Amino acid sequence: AGRSGTANMPLQKIQIIKGSIDREGNKSEKVIDVI
């Protein structure tokens, strides 16, 4: 929100980053655009 009299940048988007590993040790990663 800044202080009085200053302009700040609006938001573009929100992401969720998921990292996981299965029982065999295989690792994976995913980036999800939420909104």
PDB file of all heavy atoms in Angstrom:
ATOM      1  N   ALA A   1       0.814  -1.216   0.000  1.00  0.00           N
ATOM      2  CA  ALA A   1       0.000   0.000   0.000  1.00  0.00           C
ATOM      3  C   ALA A   1       0.842   1.258   0.000  1.00  0.00           C
ATOM      4  O   ALA A   1       0.359   2.345  -0.342  1.00  0.00           O
ATOM      5  CB  ALA A   1      -0.931  -0.004   1.215  1.00  0.00           C
ATOM      6  N   GLY A   2       2.131   1.138   0.381  1.00  0.00           N
ATOM      7  CA  GLY A   2       3.010   2.296   0.391  1.00  0.00           C
ATOM      8  C   GLY A   2       2.634   3.283   1.475  1.00  0.00           C
ATOM      9  O   GLY A   2       1.798   3.030   2.335  1.00  0.00           O
ATOM     10  N   ARG A   3       3.278   4.424   1.408  1.00  0.00           N
ATOM     11  CA  ARG A   3       2.908   5.493   2.335  1.00  0.00           C
ATOM     12  C   ARG A   3       2.109   6.528   1.560  1.00  0.00           C
ATOM     13  O   ARG A   3       2.029   6.489   0.332  1.00  0.00           O
ATOM     14  CB  ARG A   3       4.161   6.131   2.962  1.00  0.00           C
ATOM     15  CG  ARG A   3       5.121   6.754   1.954  1.00  0.00           C
ATOM     16  CD  ARG A   3       6.340   7.348   2.638  1.00  0.00           C
ATOM     17  NE  ARG A   3       7.311   7.857   1.681  1.00  0.00           N
ATOM     18  CZ  ARG A   3       7.231   9.041   1.098  1.00  0.00           C
ATOM     19  NH1 ARG A   3       6.219   9.840   1.356  1.00  0.00           N
ATOM     20  NH2 ARG A   3       8.160   9.431   0.239  1.00  0.00           N
ATOM     21  N   SER A   4       1.538   7.461   2.253  1.00  0.00           N
ATOM     22  CA  SER A   4       0.687   8.463   1.626  1.00  0.00           C
ATOM     23  C   SER A   4       1.432   9.207   0.520  1.00  0.00           C
ATOM     24  O   SER A   4       2.553   9.694   0.712  1.00  0.00           O
ATOM     25  CB  SER A   4       0.198   9.462   2.682  1.00  0.00           C
ATOM     26  OG  SER A   4      -0.588  10.467   2.088  1.00  0.00           O
ATOM     27  N   GLY A   5       0.817   9.279  -0.658  1.00  0.00           N
ATOM     28  CA  GLY A   5       1.416  10.041  -1.757  1.00  0.00           C
ATOM     29  C   GLY A   5       2.338   9.245  -2.647  1.00  0.00           C
ATOM     30  O   GLY A   5       2.887   9.795  -3.606  1.00  0.00           O
ATOM     31  N   THR A   6       2.545   7.955  -2.379  1.00  0.00           N
ATOM     32  CA  THR A   6       3.422   7.148  -3.226  1.00  0.00           C
ATOM     33  C   THR A   6       2.603   6.093  -3.961  1.00  0.00           C
ATOM     34  O   THR A   6       1.619   5.581  -3.443  1.00  0.00           O
ATOM     35  CB  THR A   6       4.519   6.446  -2.407  1.00  0.00           C
ATOM     36  OG1 THR A   6       3.897   5.531  -1.493  1.00  0.00           O
ATOM     37  CG2 THR A   6       5.350   7.449  -1.634  1.00  0.00           C
ATOM     38  N   ALA A   7       3.043   5.793  -5.176  1.00  0.00           N
ATOM     39  CA  ALA A   7       2.380   4.765  -5.976  1.00  0.00           C
ATOM     40  C   ALA A   7       3.226   3.500  -5.949  1.00  0.00           C
ATOM     41  O   ALA A   7       4.441   3.556  -6.129  1.00  0.00           O
ATOM     42  CB  ALA A   7       2.194   5.252  -7.407  1.00  0.00           C
ATOM     43  N   ASN A   8       2.611   2.364  -5.722  1.00  0.00           N
ATOM     44  CA  ASN A   8       3.318   1.101  -5.709  1.00  0.00           C
ATOM     45  C   ASN A   8       2.785   0.204  -6.814  1.00  0.00           C
ATOM     46  O   ASN A   8       1.711   0.421  -7.361  1.00  0.00           O
ATOM     47  CB  ASN A   8       3.179   0.426  -4.342  1.00  0.00           C
ATOM     48  CG  ASN A   8       3.981   1.149  -3.286  1.00  0.00           C
ATOM     49  OD1 ASN A   8       5.168   0.925  -3.148  1.00  0.00           O
ATOM     50  ND2 ASN A   8       3.322   2.030  -2.536  1.00  0.00           N
ATOM     51  N   MET A   9       3.567  -0.840  -7.117  1.00  0.00           N
ATOM     52  CA  MET A   9       3.218  -1.694  -8.240  1.00  0.00           C
ATOM     53  C   MET A   9       2.081  -2.644  -7.877  1.00  0.00           C
ATOM     54  O   MET A   9       2.071  -3.235  -6.791  1.00  0.00           O
ATOM     55  CB  MET A   9       4.439  -2.501  -8.669  1.00  0.00           C
ATOM     56  CG  MET A   9       5.561  -1.643  -9.228  1.00  0.00           C
ATOM     57  SD  MET A   9       5.037  -0.663 -10.642  1.00  0.00           S
ATOM     58  CE  MET A   9       4.599  -1.950 -11.804  1.00  0.00           C
ATOM     59  N   PRO A  10       1.118  -2.814  -8.781  1.00  0.00           N
ATOM     60  CA  PRO A  10       0.057  -3.800  -8.543  1.00  0.00           C
ATOM     61  C   PRO A  10       0.580  -5.209  -8.729  1.00  0.00           C
ATOM     62  O   PRO A  10       1.669  -5.436  -9.277  1.00  0.00           O
ATOM     63  CB  PRO A  10      -0.981  -3.450  -9.613  1.00  0.00           C
ATOM     64  CG  PRO A  10      -0.195  -2.806 -10.710  1.00  0.00           C
ATOM     65  CD  PRO A  10       0.931  -2.070 -10.029  1.00  0.00           C
ATOM     66  N   LEU A  11      -0.217  -6.167  -8.286  1.00  0.00           N
ATOM     67  CA  LEU A  11       0.142  -7.572  -8.412  1.00  0.00           C
ATOM     68  C   LEU A  11      -0.263  -8.108  -9.778  1.00  0.00           C
ATOM     69  O   LEU A  11      -1.269  -7.691 -10.352  1.00  0.00           O
ATOM     70  CB  LEU A  11      -0.544  -8.388  -7.316  1.00  0.00           C
ATOM     71  CG  LEU A  11      -0.338  -7.927  -5.873  1.00  0.00           C
ATOM     72  CD1 LEU A  11      -1.107  -8.829  -4.922  1.00  0.00           C
ATOM     73  CD2 LEU A  11       1.132  -7.881  -5.509  1.00  0.00           C
ATOM     74  N   GLN A  12       0.539  -9.058 -10.284  1.00  0.00           N
ATOM     75  CA  GLN A  12       0.211  -9.705 -11.549  1.00  0.00           C
ATOM     76  C   GLN A  12      -0.466 -11.051 -11.335  1.00  0.00           C
ATOM     77  O   GLN A  12      -1.533 -11.316 -11.885  1.00  0.00           O
ATOM     78  CB  GLN A  12       1.461  -9.894 -12.408  1.00  0.00           C
ATOM     79  CG  GLN A  12       1.158 -10.460 -13.795  1.00  0.00           C
ATOM     80  CD  GLN A  12       2.397 -10.849 -14.562  1.00  0.00           C
ATOM     81  OE1 GLN A  12       3.188 -11.668 -14.094  1.00  0.00           O
ATOM     82  NE2 GLN A  12       2.580 -10.251 -15.729  1.00  0.00           N
ATOM     83  N   LYS A  13       0.148 -11.928 -10.508  1.00  0.00           N
ATOM     84  CA  LYS A  13      -0.429 -13.261 -10.322  1.00  0.00           C
ATOM     85  C   LYS A  13       0.150 -13.935  -9.093  1.00  0.00           C
ATOM     86  O   LYS A  13       1.156 -13.492  -8.526  1.00  0.00           O
ATOM     87  CB  LYS A  13      -0.188 -14.136 -11.547  1.00  0.00           C
ATOM     88  CG  LYS A  13       1.269 -14.409 -11.869  1.00  0.00           C
ATOM     89  CD  LYS A  13       1.381 -15.288 -13.108  1.00  0.00           C
ATOM     90  CE  LYS A  13       2.835 -15.514 -13.512  1.00  0.00           C
ATOM     91  NZ  LYS A  13       2.940 -16.382 -14.715  1.00  0.00           N
ATOM     92  N   ILE A  14      -0.492 -15.031  -8.705  1.00  0.00           N
ATOM     93  CA  ILE A  14      -0.032 -15.892  -7.612  1.00  0.00           C
ATOM     94  C   ILE A  14       0.183 -17.290  -8.169  1.00  0.00           C
ATOM     95  O   ILE A  14      -0.639 -17.809  -8.918  1.00  0.00           O
ATOM     96  CB  ILE A  14      -1.049 -15.949  -6.459  1.00  0.00           C
ATOM     97  CG1 ILE A  14      -1.257 -14.578  -5.821  1.00  0.00           C
ATOM     98  CG2 ILE A  14      -0.599 -16.950  -5.401  1.00  0.00           C
ATOM     99  CD1 ILE A  14      -2.309 -14.573  -4.729  1.00  0.00           C
ATOM    100  N   GLN A  15       1.280 -17.900  -7.780  1.00  0.00           N
ATOM    101  CA  GLN A  15       1.581 -19.271  -8.162  1.00  0.00           C
ATOM    102  C   GLN A  15       1.767 -20.130  -6.908  1.00  0.00           C
ATOM    103  O   GLN A  15       2.086 -19.614  -5.836  1.00  0.00           O
ATOM    104  CB  GLN A  15       2.870 -19.329  -8.988  1.00  0.00           C
ATOM    105  CG  GLN A  15       2.822 -18.548 -10.279  1.00  0.00           C
ATOM    106  CD  GLN A  15       4.161 -18.542 -10.982  1.00  0.00           C
ATOM    107  OE1 GLN A  15       5.199 -18.271 -10.366  1.00  0.00           O
ATOM    108  NE2 GLN A  15       4.167 -18.852 -12.271  1.00  0.00           N
ATOM    109  N   ILE A  16       1.578 -21.434  -7.052  1.00  0.00           N
ATOM    110  CA  ILE A  16       1.960 -22.402  -6.027  1.00  0.00           C
ATOM    111  C   ILE A  16       2.996 -23.331  -6.636  1.00  0.00           C
ATOM    112  O   ILE A  16       2.808 -23.833  -7.750  1.00  0.00           O
ATOM    113  CB  ILE A  16       0.743 -23.198  -5.507  1.00  0.00           C
ATOM    114  CG1 ILE A  16      -0.150 -22.289  -4.651  1.00  0.00           C
ATOM    115  CG2 ILE A  16       1.199 -24.401  -4.679  1.00  0.00           C
ATOM    116  CD1 ILE A  16      -1.406 -22.979  -4.132  1.00  0.00           C
ATOM    117  N   ILE A  17       4.085 -23.523  -5.927  1.00  0.00           N
ATOM    118  CA  ILE A  17       5.149 -24.428  -6.366  1.00  0.00           C
ATOM    119  C   ILE A  17       5.062 -25.691  -5.525  1.00  0.00           C
ATOM    120  O   ILE A  17       5.040 -25.627  -4.290  1.00  0.00           O
ATOM    121  CB  ILE A  17       6.537 -23.774  -6.239  1.00  0.00           C
ATOM    122  CG1 ILE A  17       6.716 -22.676  -7.286  1.00  0.00           C
ATOM    123  CG2 ILE A  17       7.643 -24.812  -6.414  1.00  0.00           C
ATOM    124  CD1 ILE A  17       6.157 -21.346  -6.925  1.00  0.00           C
ATOM    125  N   LYS A  18       5.012 -26.829  -6.221  1.00  0.00           N
ATOM    126  CA  LYS A  18       4.959 -28.119  -5.535  1.00  0.00           C
ATOM    127  C   LYS A  18       6.217 -28.918  -5.859  1.00  0.00           C
ATOM    128  O   LYS A  18       6.626 -29.020  -7.019  1.00  0.00           O
ATOM    129  CB  LYS A  18       3.741 -28.928  -5.980  1.00  0.00           C
ATOM    130  CG  LYS A  18       3.704 -30.353  -5.401  1.00  0.00           C
ATOM    131  CD  LYS A  18       2.580 -31.200  -5.982  1.00  0.00           C
ATOM    132  CE  LYS A  18       2.620 -32.622  -5.444  1.00  0.00           C
ATOM    133  NZ  LYS A  18       1.555 -33.485  -6.018  1.00  0.00           N
ATOM    134  N   GLY A  19       6.831 -29.473  -4.841  1.00  0.00           N
ATOM    135  CA  GLY A  19       7.921 -30.424  -5.011  1.00  0.00           C
ATOM    136  C   GLY A  19       7.558 -31.717  -4.304  1.00  0.00           C
ATOM    137  O   GLY A  19       6.970 -31.690  -3.219  1.00  0.00           O
ATOM    138  N   SER A  20       7.892 -32.852  -4.909  1.00  0.00           N
ATOM    139  CA  SER A  20       7.520 -34.125  -4.288  1.00  0.00           C
ATOM    140  C   SER A  20       8.554 -35.197  -4.597  1.00  0.00           C
ATOM    141  O   SER A  20       9.396 -35.036  -5.482  1.00  0.00           O
ATOM    142  CB  SER A  20       6.143 -34.575  -4.778  1.00  0.00           C
ATOM    143  OG  SER A  20       6.147 -34.775  -6.182  1.00  0.00           O
ATOM    144  N   ILE A  21       8.470 -36.290  -3.849  1.00  0.00           N
ATOM    145  CA  ILE A  21       9.347 -37.439  -4.079  1.00  0.00           C
ATOM    146  C   ILE A  21       8.547 -38.704  -3.798  1.00  0.00           C
ATOM    147  O   ILE A  21       7.824 -38.784  -2.793  1.00  0.00           O
ATOM    148  CB  ILE A  21      10.619 -37.355  -3.201  1.00  0.00           C
ATOM    149  CG1 ILE A  21      11.546 -38.528  -3.492  1.00  0.00           C
ATOM    150  CG2 ILE A  21      10.277 -37.284  -1.730  1.00  0.00           C
ATOM    151  CD1 ILE A  21      12.910 -38.367  -2.850  1.00  0.00           C
ATOM    152  N   ASP A  22       8.657 -39.705  -4.710  1.00  0.00           N
ATOM    153  CA  ASP A  22       7.898 -40.938  -4.520  1.00  0.00           C
ATOM    154  C   ASP A  22       8.741 -41.959  -3.757  1.00  0.00           C
ATOM    155  O   ASP A  22       9.878 -41.695  -3.357  1.00  0.00           O
ATOM    156  CB  ASP A  22       7.404 -41.495  -5.851  1.00  0.00           C
ATOM    157  CG  ASP A  22       8.529 -41.901  -6.803  1.00  0.00           C
ATOM    158  OD1 ASP A  22       9.657 -42.166  -6.323  1.00  0.00           O
ATOM    159  OD2 ASP A  22       8.279 -41.959  -8.013  1.00  0.00           O
ATOM    160  N   ARG A  23       8.169 -43.152  -3.558  1.00  0.00           N
ATOM    161  CA  ARG A  23       8.838 -44.168  -2.742  1.00  0.00           C
ATOM    162  C   ARG A  23      10.126 -44.672  -3.373  1.00  0.00           C
ATOM    163  O   ARG A  23      11.001 -45.194  -2.687  1.00  0.00           O
ATOM    164  CB  ARG A  23       7.881 -45.336  -2.505  1.00  0.00           C
ATOM    165  CG  ARG A  23       6.755 -45.005  -1.538  1.00  0.00           C
ATOM    166  CD  ARG A  23       5.887 -46.224  -1.276  1.00  0.00           C
ATOM    167  NE  ARG A  23       4.931 -45.978  -0.194  1.00  0.00           N
ATOM    168  CZ  ARG A  23       4.051 -46.885   0.230  1.00  0.00           C
ATOM    169  NH1 ARG A  23       4.009 -48.085  -0.343  1.00  0.00           N
ATOM    170  NH2 ARG A  23       3.219 -46.596   1.212  1.00  0.00           N
ATOM    171  N   GLU A  24      10.254 -44.524  -4.692  1.00  0.00           N
ATOM    172  CA  GLU A  24      11.476 -44.961  -5.382  1.00  0.00           C
ATOM    173  C   GLU A  24      12.531 -43.874  -5.412  1.00  0.00           C
ATOM    174  O   GLU A  24      13.615 -44.064  -5.975  1.00  0.00           O
ATOM    175  CB  GLU A  24      11.137 -45.391  -6.813  1.00  0.00           C
ATOM    176  CG  GLU A  24      10.393 -46.722  -6.931  1.00  0.00           C
ATOM    177  CD  GLU A  24       8.976 -46.633  -6.409  1.00  0.00           C
ATOM    178  OE1 GLU A  24       8.281 -45.638  -6.756  1.00  0.00           O
ATOM    179  OE2 GLU A  24       8.558 -47.538  -5.642  1.00  0.00           O
ATOM    180  N   GLY A  25      12.234 -42.725  -4.825  1.00  0.00           N
ATOM    181  CA  GLY A  25      13.200 -41.639  -4.783  1.00  0.00           C
ATOM    182  C   GLY A  25      13.152 -40.711  -5.975  1.00  0.00           C
ATOM    183  O   GLY A  25      14.013 -39.832  -6.114  1.00  0.00           O
ATOM    184  N   ASN A  26      12.165 -40.860  -6.856  1.00  0.00           N
ATOM    185  CA  ASN A  26      12.027 -39.984  -8.015  1.00  0.00           C
ATOM    186  C   ASN A  26      11.445 -38.641  -7.575  1.00  0.00           C
ATOM    187  O   ASN A  26      10.392 -38.595  -6.934  1.00  0.00           O
ATOM    188  CB  ASN A  26      11.123 -40.627  -9.067  1.00  0.00           C
ATOM    189  CG  ASN A  26      11.687 -41.948  -9.563  1.00  0.00           C
ATOM    190  OD1 ASN A  26      12.840 -42.023  -9.969  1.00  0.00           O
ATOM    191  ND2 ASN A  26      10.864 -42.994  -9.528  1.00  0.00           N
ATOM    192  N   LYS A  27      12.142 -37.558  -7.938  1.00  0.00           N
ATOM    193  CA  LYS A  27      11.730 -36.221  -7.538  1.00  0.00           C
ATOM    194  C   LYS A  27      11.017 -35.529  -8.681  1.00  0.00           C
ATOM    195  O   LYS A  27      11.360 -35.714  -9.852  1.00  0.00           O
ATOM    196  CB  LYS A  27      12.952 -35.402  -7.116  1.00  0.00           C
ATOM    197  CG  LYS A  27      13.724 -36.007  -5.949  1.00  0.00           C
ATOM    198  CD  LYS A  27      14.986 -35.215  -5.658  1.00  0.00           C
ATOM    199  CE  LYS A  27      15.791 -35.852  -4.537  1.00  0.00           C
ATOM    200  NZ  LYS A  27      17.060 -35.121  -4.269  1.00  0.00           N
ATOM    201  N   SER A  28      10.017 -34.718  -8.350  1.00  0.00           N
ATOM    202  CA  SER A  28       9.299 -33.966  -9.368  1.00  0.00           C
ATOM    203  C   SER A  28       8.990 -32.566  -8.859  1.00  0.00           C
ATOM    204  O   SER A  28       9.038 -32.295  -7.658  1.00  0.00           O
ATOM    205  CB  SER A  28       8.002 -34.681  -9.764  1.00  0.00           C
ATOM    206  OG  SER A  28       7.117 -34.754  -8.662  1.00  0.00           O
ATOM    207  N   GLU A  29       8.661 -31.683  -9.810  1.00  0.00           N
ATOM    208  CA  GLU A  29       8.406 -30.285  -9.482  1.00  0.00           C
ATOM    209  C   GLU A  29       7.320 -29.763 -10.409  1.00  0.00           C
ATOM    210  O   GLU A  29       7.245 -30.136 -11.589  1.00  0.00           O
ATOM    211  CB  GLU A  29       9.688 -29.477  -9.669  1.00  0.00           C
ATOM    212  CG  GLU A  29       9.555 -27.981  -9.465  1.00  0.00           C
ATOM    213  CD  GLU A  29      10.883 -27.274  -9.710  1.00  0.00           C
ATOM    214  OE1 GLU A  29      11.828 -27.543  -8.942  1.00  0.00           O
ATOM    215  OE2 GLU A  29      10.977 -26.495 -10.667  1.00  0.00           O
ATOM    216  N   LYS A  30       6.467 -28.911  -9.886  1.00  0.00           N
ATOM    217  CA  LYS A  30       5.392 -28.355 -10.686  1.00  0.00           C
ATOM    218  C   LYS A  30       5.114 -26.928 -10.235  1.00  0.00           C
ATOM    219  O   LYS A  30       5.114 -26.639  -9.031  1.00  0.00           O
ATOM    220  CB  LYS A  30       4.126 -29.208 -10.549  1.00  0.00           C
ATOM    221  CG  LYS A  30       2.995 -28.815 -11.487  1.00  0.00           C
ATOM    222  CD  LYS A  30       1.830 -29.792 -11.379  1.00  0.00           C
ATOM    223  CE  LYS A  30       0.722 -29.435 -12.371  1.00  0.00           C
ATOM    224  NZ  LYS A  30      -0.432 -30.378 -12.277  1.00  0.00           N
ATOM    225  N   VAL A  31       4.889 -26.031 -11.199  1.00  0.00           N
ATOM    226  CA  VAL A  31       4.528 -24.643 -10.922  1.00  0.00           C
ATOM    227  C   VAL A  31       3.107 -24.423 -11.418  1.00  0.00           C
ATOM    228  O   VAL A  31       2.819 -24.616 -12.607  1.00  0.00           O
ATOM    229  CB  VAL A  31       5.496 -23.663 -11.604  1.00  0.00           C
ATOM    230  CG1 VAL A  31       5.077 -22.220 -11.323  1.00  0.00           C
ATOM    231  CG2 VAL A  31       6.925 -23.895 -11.119  1.00  0.00           C
ATOM    232  N   ILE A  32       2.210 -24.004 -10.528  1.00  0.00           N
ATOM    233  CA  ILE A  32       0.788 -23.851 -10.855  1.00  0.00           C
ATOM    234  C   ILE A  32       0.416 -22.381 -10.767  1.00  0.00           C
ATOM    235  O   ILE A  32       0.644 -21.726  -9.740  1.00  0.00           O
ATOM    236  CB  ILE A  32      -0.098 -24.660  -9.884  1.00  0.00           C
ATOM    237  CG1 ILE A  32       0.287 -26.130  -9.908  1.00  0.00           C
ATOM    238  CG2 ILE A  32      -1.567 -24.478 -10.210  1.00  0.00           C
ATOM    239  CD1 ILE A  32       1.204 -26.549  -8.769  1.00  0.00           C
ATOM    240  N   ASP A  33      -0.151 -21.836 -11.840  1.00  0.00           N
ATOM    241  CA  ASP A  33      -0.717 -20.491 -11.804  1.00  0.00           C
ATOM    242  C   ASP A  33      -2.095 -20.580 -11.174  1.00  0.00           C
ATOM    243  O   ASP A  33      -3.017 -21.175 -11.746  1.00  0.00           O
ATOM    244  CB  ASP A  33      -0.814 -19.900 -13.207  1.00  0.00           C
ATOM    245  CG  ASP A  33       0.544 -19.556 -13.793  1.00  0.00           C
ATOM    246  OD1 ASP A  33       1.454 -19.229 -13.014  1.00  0.00           O
ATOM    247  OD2 ASP A  33       0.696 -19.611 -15.025  1.00  0.00           O
ATOM    248  N   VAL A  34      -2.249 -19.972  -9.998  1.00  0.00           N
ATOM    249  CA  VAL A  34      -3.496 -20.102  -9.240  1.00  0.00           C
ATOM    250  C   VAL A  34      -4.495 -19.028  -9.625  1.00  0.00           C
ATOM    251  O   VAL A  34      -5.671 -19.302  -9.881  1.00  0.00           O
ATOM    252  CB  VAL A  34      -3.204 -20.060  -7.724  1.00  0.00           C
ATOM    253  CG1 VAL A  34      -4.503 -20.070  -6.918  1.00  0.00           C
ATOM    254  CG2 VAL A  34      -2.325 -21.226  -7.313  1.00  0.00           C
ATOM    255  N   ILE A  35      -4.029 -17.795  -9.704  1.00  0.00           N
ATOM    256  CA  ILE A  35      -4.934 -16.694 -10.019  1.00  0.00           C
ATOM    257  C   ILE A  35      -4.107 -15.511 -10.495  1.00  0.00           C
ATOM    258  O   ILE A  35      -2.944 -15.339 -10.116  1.00  0.00           O
ATOM    259  CB  ILE A  35      -5.800 -16.303  -8.797  1.00  0.00           C
ATOM    260  CG1 ILE A  35      -6.916 -15.347  -9.202  1.00  0.00           C
ATOM    261  CG2 ILE A  35      -4.951 -15.738  -7.667  1.00  0.00           C
ATOM    262  CD1 ILE A  35      -7.957 -15.124  -8.114  1.00  0.00           C
TER     263      ILE A  35
END
